[in-house]
Amino acid sequence: MASADPRVRNIKIKTGVLKRLMKEKTMYEKEAEDQEKKVEKMKTEGKDEHDVKKQIEVLQESKMMIPDCERRIRTAYTDLKNLIDQEQELAETEEYTNAVTLLKEREAATQQ
């Protein structure tokens, strides 16, 4: 039974890590975008300067998480790519196929 193969399990785990990190980065990017809109709205509405500064801090925190996510994505990508390259005899498994698909998604995202 192929699913009992620890290599398949390892591919599945590393694929999950990369997928989660990519989703996390997208979430931080959206959060930063939403915060920017909120800050601009507060400024145009003439909100209290202290409140605006607080929102700017929140915005900066979101923006700071993006490069960290990107760094962790690059590491997870490399780990998964290396594993896939080593385990080509598992190419028939669903986990291997999912991993290759995710790697291609990541490559496409970096091309944009």
N, C-alpha and C. Protein backbone atom coordinates (compact mmCIF):
# COMPACT_ATOMS: atom_id res chain seq x y z
N MET A 1 0.85 -1.19 0.00
CA MET A 1 0.00 0.00 0.00
C MET A 1 0.89 1.24 0.00
N ALA A 2 0.75 2.09 -1.00
CA ALA A 2 1.63 3.24 -1.21
C ALA A 2 1.49 4.29 -0.11
N SER A 3 0.28 4.46 0.44
CA SER A 3 0.08 5.52 1.43
C SER A 3 0.83 5.25 2.74
N ALA A 4 1.28 4.01 2.94
CA ALA A 4 2.05 3.70 4.14
C ALA A 4 3.51 4.13 3.99
N ASP A 5 3.90 4.49 2.78
CA ASP A 5 5.27 4.92 2.49
C ASP A 5 5.55 6.25 3.19
N PRO A 6 6.54 6.28 4.07
CA PRO A 6 6.84 7.53 4.79
C PRO A 6 7.27 8.67 3.86
N ARG A 7 7.80 8.33 2.69
CA ARG A 7 8.19 9.37 1.73
C ARG A 7 6.96 10.10 1.20
N VAL A 8 5.89 9.35 0.97
CA VAL A 8 4.64 9.96 0.50
C VAL A 8 4.09 10.89 1.58
N ARG A 9 4.14 10.42 2.81
CA ARG A 9 3.67 11.24 3.93
C ARG A 9 4.48 12.53 4.03
N ASN A 10 5.79 12.42 3.84
CA ASN A 10 6.67 13.58 3.91
C ASN A 10 6.33 14.58 2.80
N ILE A 11 6.05 14.08 1.60
CA ILE A 11 5.64 14.96 0.50
C ILE A 11 4.35 15.68 0.87
N LYS A 12 3.42 14.93 1.43
CA LYS A 12 2.12 15.51 1.81
C LYS A 12 2.31 16.61 2.86
N ILE A 13 3.16 16.37 3.84
CA ILE A 13 3.41 17.35 4.89
C ILE A 13 4.05 18.62 4.31
N LYS A 14 5.10 18.43 3.51
CA LYS A 14 5.80 19.60 2.94
C LYS A 14 4.91 20.38 1.98
N THR A 15 4.02 19.69 1.26
CA THR A 15 3.06 20.36 0.39
C THR A 15 2.11 21.20 1.23
N GLY A 16 1.64 20.63 2.34
CA GLY A 16 0.74 21.35 3.24
C GLY A 16 1.39 22.60 3.82
N VAL A 17 2.65 22.50 4.18
CA VAL A 17 3.38 23.65 4.74
C VAL A 17 3.45 24.77 3.71
N LEU A 18 3.84 24.43 2.49
CA LEU A 18 3.96 25.45 1.44
C LEU A 18 2.60 26.08 1.15
N LYS A 19 1.57 25.26 1.06
CA LYS A 19 0.22 25.76 0.77
C LYS A 19 -0.23 26.72 1.88
N ARG A 20 0.00 26.36 3.13
CA ARG A 20 -0.40 27.19 4.26
C ARG A 20 0.34 28.53 4.24
N LEU A 21 1.64 28.50 3.97
CA LEU A 21 2.43 29.73 3.95
C LEU A 21 2.00 30.65 2.81
N MET A 22 1.67 30.07 1.66
CA MET A 22 1.21 30.89 0.53
C MET A 22 -0.12 31.55 0.88
N LYS A 23 -0.98 30.81 1.55
CA LYS A 23 -2.28 31.34 1.95
C LYS A 23 -2.09 32.45 2.99
N GLU A 24 -1.15 32.22 3.93
CA GLU A 24 -0.86 33.20 4.98
C GLU A 24 -0.35 34.52 4.37
N LYS A 25 0.54 34.41 3.39
CA LYS A 25 1.08 35.62 2.75
C LYS A 25 -0.03 36.40 2.06
N THR A 26 -0.91 35.70 1.36
CA THR A 26 -2.04 36.34 0.69
C THR A 26 -2.92 37.06 1.71
N MET A 27 -3.14 36.43 2.85
CA MET A 27 -3.94 37.03 3.91
C MET A 27 -3.29 38.33 4.42
N TYR A 28 -1.98 38.30 4.65
CA TYR A 28 -1.28 39.51 5.12
C TYR A 28 -1.32 40.62 4.07
N GLU A 29 -1.18 40.25 2.80
CA GLU A 29 -1.25 41.25 1.74
C GLU A 29 -2.63 41.91 1.70
N LYS A 30 -3.67 41.10 1.85
CA LYS A 30 -5.03 41.64 1.85
C LYS A 30 -5.25 42.51 3.08
N GLU A 31 -4.77 42.04 4.22
CA GLU A 31 -4.90 42.81 5.46
C GLU A 31 -4.21 44.17 5.34
N ALA A 32 -3.02 44.19 4.75
CA ALA A 32 -2.28 45.44 4.58
C ALA A 32 -3.04 46.37 3.64
N GLU A 33 -3.59 45.81 2.59
CA GLU A 33 -4.37 46.61 1.64
C GLU A 33 -5.61 47.21 2.33
N ASP A 34 -6.30 46.39 3.11
CA ASP A 34 -7.48 46.87 3.85
C ASP A 34 -7.10 47.95 4.86
N GLN A 35 -5.98 47.75 5.54
CA GLN A 35 -5.52 48.74 6.52
C GLN A 35 -5.17 50.07 5.85
N GLU A 36 -4.54 50.00 4.69
CA GLU A 36 -4.20 51.23 3.96
C GLU A 36 -5.46 52.02 3.63
N LYS A 37 -6.48 51.31 3.18
CA LYS A 37 -7.76 51.97 2.87
C LYS A 37 -8.36 52.59 4.13
N LYS A 38 -8.28 51.86 5.22
CA LYS A 38 -8.83 52.34 6.49
C LYS A 38 -8.11 53.61 6.95
N VAL A 39 -6.78 53.61 6.85
CA VAL A 39 -5.98 54.77 7.25
C VAL A 39 -6.34 55.97 6.39
N GLU A 40 -6.43 55.76 5.08
CA GLU A 40 -6.78 56.86 4.17
C GLU A 40 -8.17 57.42 4.49
N LYS A 41 -9.09 56.52 4.77
CA LYS A 41 -10.46 56.95 5.10
C LYS A 41 -10.46 57.77 6.39
N MET A 42 -9.69 57.29 7.39
CA MET A 42 -9.61 58.01 8.66
C MET A 42 -9.02 59.40 8.47
N LYS A 43 -8.00 59.49 7.62
CA LYS A 43 -7.37 60.79 7.36
C LYS A 43 -8.35 61.75 6.67
N THR A 44 -9.07 61.25 5.67
CA THR A 44 -10.00 62.12 4.94
C THR A 44 -11.19 62.53 5.80
N GLU A 45 -11.53 61.66 6.76
CA GLU A 45 -12.65 61.99 7.66
C GLU A 45 -12.19 62.87 8.83
N GLY A 46 -10.89 63.13 8.90
CA GLY A 46 -10.35 63.97 9.96
C GLY A 46 -10.42 63.33 11.34
N LYS A 47 -10.21 62.02 11.40
CA LYS A 47 -10.24 61.31 12.68
C LYS A 47 -9.08 61.76 13.56
N ASP A 48 -9.22 61.45 14.84
CA ASP A 48 -8.22 61.79 15.84
C ASP A 48 -6.83 61.28 15.40
N GLU A 49 -5.84 62.15 15.51
CA GLU A 49 -4.47 61.83 15.08
C GLU A 49 -3.92 60.59 15.77
N HIS A 50 -4.24 60.44 17.05
CA HIS A 50 -3.77 59.27 17.81
C HIS A 50 -4.35 57.98 17.21
N ASP A 51 -5.63 57.99 16.87
CA ASP A 51 -6.27 56.82 16.27
C ASP A 51 -5.65 56.49 14.92
N VAL A 52 -5.37 57.53 14.14
CA VAL A 52 -4.75 57.33 12.83
C VAL A 52 -3.36 56.70 13.01
N LYS A 53 -2.59 57.20 13.98
CA LYS A 53 -1.25 56.66 14.23
C LYS A 53 -1.33 55.19 14.62
N LYS A 54 -2.31 54.84 15.45
CA LYS A 54 -2.50 53.44 15.87
C LYS A 54 -2.77 52.55 14.66
N GLN A 55 -3.63 53.03 13.74
CA GLN A 55 -3.95 52.25 12.54
C GLN A 55 -2.73 52.12 11.64
N ILE A 56 -1.91 53.16 11.59
CA ILE A 56 -0.67 53.10 10.80
C ILE A 56 0.27 52.05 11.38
N GLU A 57 0.32 51.94 12.71
CA GLU A 57 1.15 50.91 13.36
C GLU A 57 0.66 49.52 12.97
N VAL A 58 -0.66 49.33 12.99
CA VAL A 58 -1.24 48.04 12.60
C VAL A 58 -0.87 47.74 11.15
N LEU A 59 -0.96 48.74 10.30
CA LEU A 59 -0.61 48.60 8.89
C LEU A 59 0.86 48.17 8.74
N GLN A 60 1.75 48.82 9.47
CA GLN A 60 3.18 48.49 9.39
C GLN A 60 3.44 47.06 9.85
N GLU A 61 2.73 46.62 10.89
CA GLU A 61 2.90 45.25 11.37
C GLU A 61 2.50 44.25 10.28
N SER A 62 1.39 44.52 9.62
CA SER A 62 0.95 43.63 8.53
C SER A 62 1.98 43.61 7.41
N LYS A 63 2.48 44.78 7.06
CA LYS A 63 3.47 44.86 5.98
C LYS A 63 4.76 44.15 6.35
N MET A 64 5.14 44.18 7.63
CA MET A 64 6.37 43.53 8.06
C MET A 64 6.26 42.00 7.98
N MET A 65 5.05 41.47 8.08
CA MET A 65 4.87 40.03 8.03
C MET A 65 5.05 39.47 6.61
N ILE A 66 4.84 40.30 5.60
CA ILE A 66 4.89 39.82 4.22
C ILE A 66 6.29 39.33 3.83
N PRO A 67 7.36 40.10 4.07
CA PRO A 67 8.70 39.59 3.72
C PRO A 67 9.07 38.33 4.52
N ASP A 68 8.62 38.26 5.77
CA ASP A 68 8.88 37.07 6.59
C ASP A 68 8.19 35.85 5.97
N CYS A 69 6.94 36.03 5.58
CA CYS A 69 6.21 34.94 4.91
C CYS A 69 6.92 34.54 3.63
N GLU A 70 7.35 35.52 2.87
CA GLU A 70 8.03 35.25 1.59
C GLU A 70 9.30 34.43 1.83
N ARG A 71 10.05 34.77 2.85
CA ARG A 71 11.28 34.04 3.18
C ARG A 71 10.95 32.58 3.54
N ARG A 72 9.91 32.40 4.36
CA ARG A 72 9.53 31.05 4.76
C ARG A 72 8.96 30.26 3.57
N ILE A 73 8.28 30.95 2.67
CA ILE A 73 7.76 30.28 1.46
C ILE A 73 8.93 29.79 0.61
N ARG A 74 9.94 30.63 0.43
CA ARG A 74 11.10 30.22 -0.38
C ARG A 74 11.76 28.97 0.21
N THR A 75 11.89 28.94 1.53
CA THR A 75 12.48 27.77 2.19
C THR A 75 11.61 26.54 1.99
N ALA A 76 10.30 26.67 2.20
CA ALA A 76 9.38 25.54 2.04
C ALA A 76 9.36 25.07 0.59
N TYR A 77 9.40 26.01 -0.35
CA TYR A 77 9.42 25.69 -1.77
C TYR A 77 10.66 24.85 -2.10
N THR A 78 11.81 25.32 -1.64
CA THR A 78 13.07 24.62 -1.90
C THR A 78 13.04 23.22 -1.30
N ASP A 79 12.55 23.11 -0.06
CA ASP A 79 12.45 21.80 0.59
C ASP A 79 11.59 20.84 -0.22
N LEU A 80 10.43 21.32 -0.63
CA LEU A 80 9.50 20.47 -1.39
C LEU A 80 10.08 20.13 -2.76
N LYS A 81 10.67 21.11 -3.42
CA LYS A 81 11.26 20.88 -4.75
C LYS A 81 12.37 19.83 -4.67
N ASN A 82 13.23 19.94 -3.67
CA ASN A 82 14.31 18.97 -3.49
C ASN A 82 13.75 17.57 -3.22
N LEU A 83 12.72 17.50 -2.41
CA LEU A 83 12.11 16.22 -2.09
C LEU A 83 11.49 15.59 -3.33
N ILE A 84 10.78 16.38 -4.11
CA ILE A 84 10.17 15.91 -5.35
C ILE A 84 11.24 15.40 -6.32
N ASP A 85 12.33 16.14 -6.42
CA ASP A 85 13.42 15.74 -7.30
C ASP A 85 14.03 14.40 -6.88
N GLN A 86 14.07 14.16 -5.57
CA GLN A 86 14.66 12.92 -5.03
C GLN A 86 13.71 11.73 -5.16
N GLU A 87 12.42 12.00 -5.14
CA GLU A 87 11.43 10.91 -5.05
C GLU A 87 10.62 10.76 -6.34
N GLN A 88 11.28 10.87 -7.47
CA GLN A 88 10.55 10.81 -8.75
C GLN A 88 9.86 9.48 -9.00
N GLU A 89 10.32 8.42 -8.33
CA GLU A 89 9.64 7.14 -8.51
C GLU A 89 8.25 7.13 -7.88
N LEU A 90 7.94 8.16 -7.11
CA LEU A 90 6.61 8.29 -6.51
C LEU A 90 5.68 9.15 -7.37
N ALA A 91 6.09 9.44 -8.60
CA ALA A 91 5.35 10.35 -9.48
C ALA A 91 3.91 9.91 -9.73
N GLU A 92 3.62 8.64 -9.54
CA GLU A 92 2.26 8.14 -9.77
C GLU A 92 1.32 8.45 -8.60
N THR A 93 1.86 8.87 -7.48
CA THR A 93 1.00 9.10 -6.30
C THR A 93 0.30 10.45 -6.39
N GLU A 94 -0.85 10.52 -5.77
CA GLU A 94 -1.63 11.76 -5.72
C GLU A 94 -0.85 12.86 -5.00
N GLU A 95 -0.16 12.49 -3.94
CA GLU A 95 0.60 13.46 -3.15
C GLU A 95 1.71 14.10 -3.99
N TYR A 96 2.38 13.30 -4.79
CA TYR A 96 3.44 13.80 -5.66
C TYR A 96 2.85 14.78 -6.69
N THR A 97 1.74 14.38 -7.29
CA THR A 97 1.07 15.22 -8.28
C THR A 97 0.62 16.54 -7.66
N ASN A 98 0.04 16.47 -6.46
CA ASN A 98 -0.38 17.69 -5.75
C ASN A 98 0.81 18.61 -5.48
N ALA A 99 1.93 18.01 -5.09
CA ALA A 99 3.14 18.78 -4.79
C ALA A 99 3.63 19.49 -6.04
N VAL A 100 3.68 18.78 -7.16
CA VAL A 100 4.15 19.37 -8.42
C VAL A 100 3.22 20.52 -8.83
N THR A 101 1.92 20.31 -8.69
CA THR A 101 0.94 21.35 -9.03
C THR A 101 1.17 22.59 -8.19
N LEU A 102 1.38 22.41 -6.89
CA LEU A 102 1.60 23.55 -5.99
C LEU A 102 2.91 24.26 -6.34
N LEU A 103 3.94 23.51 -6.65
CA LEU A 103 5.22 24.12 -7.04
C LEU A 103 5.03 24.99 -8.29
N LYS A 104 4.24 24.49 -9.23
CA LYS A 104 3.97 25.26 -10.46
C LYS A 104 3.17 26.52 -10.15
N GLU A 105 2.21 26.41 -9.23
CA GLU A 105 1.43 27.59 -8.81
C GLU A 105 2.36 28.65 -8.23
N ARG A 106 3.26 28.21 -7.39
CA ARG A 106 4.21 29.14 -6.75
C ARG A 106 5.10 29.79 -7.80
N GLU A 107 5.58 28.99 -8.75
CA GLU A 107 6.44 29.52 -9.81
C GLU A 107 5.68 30.57 -10.63
N ALA A 108 4.42 30.28 -10.94
CA ALA A 108 3.58 31.22 -11.70
C ALA A 108 3.37 32.50 -10.91
N ALA A 109 3.17 32.39 -9.62
CA ALA A 109 2.94 33.56 -8.76
C ALA A 109 4.18 34.45 -8.71
N THR A 110 5.34 33.86 -8.75
CA THR A 110 6.57 34.66 -8.69
C THR A 110 6.88 35.31 -10.03
N GLN A 111 6.28 34.81 -11.11
CA GLN A 111 6.49 35.39 -12.44
C GLN A 111 5.71 36.68 -12.62
N GLN A 112 4.65 36.86 -11.85
CA GLN A 112 3.77 38.03 -12.01
C GLN A 112 4.41 39.29 -11.51
